[in-house]
Amino acid sequence: MSAGARPLRILHVFRAPSGGLFRHVLDLARGQIERGHEVGILRDAGTGGARAETLLAELAPRLALGTTRIPMHRNPHPLDLAGLARVRRAVRELRPDVIHGHGSKGGLYARLAPSGTGAVTAYAPHGGSFNFRPGTLRYGLYMAAERFLARRTNVFLFESHDVAARFRAGVGDTDRVVRVVHNGLAPAEFEPIVPAAEPLDLMHIGELRPGKGVDTLIDALALLRRERGLRLTLLLVGSGPEEGPLQARARSAGVADAITYMPQQPIRLVLGRGRLMVMPSHAESLPYVVLEAAAAAQPLLATRMGGIPEIFGPLQDELVPPADAPALAEAVQRKMAEPEEARLTKAQTLRHFVEGRFALDAMVEGVLAGYGAALAARSGQGR
């Protein structure tokens, strides 16, 4: 905490304890606690898993505002009104100075909850509403909601310049405080990984759900085998609703024998088990898995999507278009044909770029600075 700054009571509101959003909240909460602030978590009562519960249990003794769990639905639902009433009760009891909503549903509850409590509201989309395709009915409805909620937001905390641009395109300019604060990594995450003794050719780490582009990766694998005689192996690490359909797609494409599946686990336990990590996302914000792989000097191939170009910096010319199996197949073949030394040199270049721009301490301080600017603006001291 900076000299003269008072401790804040901060309540983080989000739905599912999973993925990059959950990691962001945990890292942010720990950093804020270490700086003397009182922190609490309000999240969905029905989602999560054993690993999420373990992580939350480890953090719980340090949460001065505790953990509050209420039912939250992923999509708009009539019971959202009952959920909002429970959020408002929790806010009245906890008396936070800052209510920080993460994702679409967390942002909805956080911005509708204050109801005269005096708390400032912060909103981090983490992609969320802004991942929908412009021109669709759903996009139009979500943007209408975002425009309404923008008037109840004191500070926008965008995790990438790309999401900030999508906000301006869908919502318009705002007179509220706006900050772009990149996700950050701890120093230990920049330690190099040890490659496996017998790595597979390709690897993907992440949830198996729409938007991650694993279907495109399977199609590219099939193209390489069918049209170019290149029989590559693939390790898929993760789980999710698309696991069954993706297995069926692999069987139909004739590459089921090339794919090995592993359950979700800490990323550094599996980095190095593939010569090339492929992230073929169709929709992203600023993915932690790409940051973590880059920090560990894992050779990477990814799509030009969301904030990924901001991570790739000097190597962003190597990014490929999303949802384009032929382009992905061509890029995979080109990368696999590179001498191993060249692939590793590029991986080190990316590691050094990420190390200088995506630090955990900078993320925590940037978010706190955003809160401070919002509090100052509300009290009439300017931004």
Foldseek 3Di string as FASTA:
>chain_A
DDPPDDAFEEEEEEEACDFPLNVLVLLLVVLSLVVPHAYEYEYAPPHDDDVSVVSCVVCQVSHNLGYHHYHDDPDDDPCVVVVLVVLLVSCVVSLGQEYEAEADSSLVSQLVRCVPSNHAYEYEHQCHLLQDDPPDPSNLVSLVVVLVSLVSHQEYEYQAVLVVVSNCVSRNDDPHHYYHFHAFDAPVLLAAADADPAAFAEEEEDEQDPQQQVLLVLLLQLCCCPPVVDHGAYEYEEYYDCPVVSCVSNVVSVNNVRYDYHYHDPPSVCQNNHQEYEGQGPEGARGPSVLSCLSNLRQYEYAPYHRVCVLLPVNSVLHHHHPDNVRVSVSSVVLSPDDSVVSSVSSVVSNVVSVVRHHSSSNNVRVVVRSVQSVCVVVPNHD
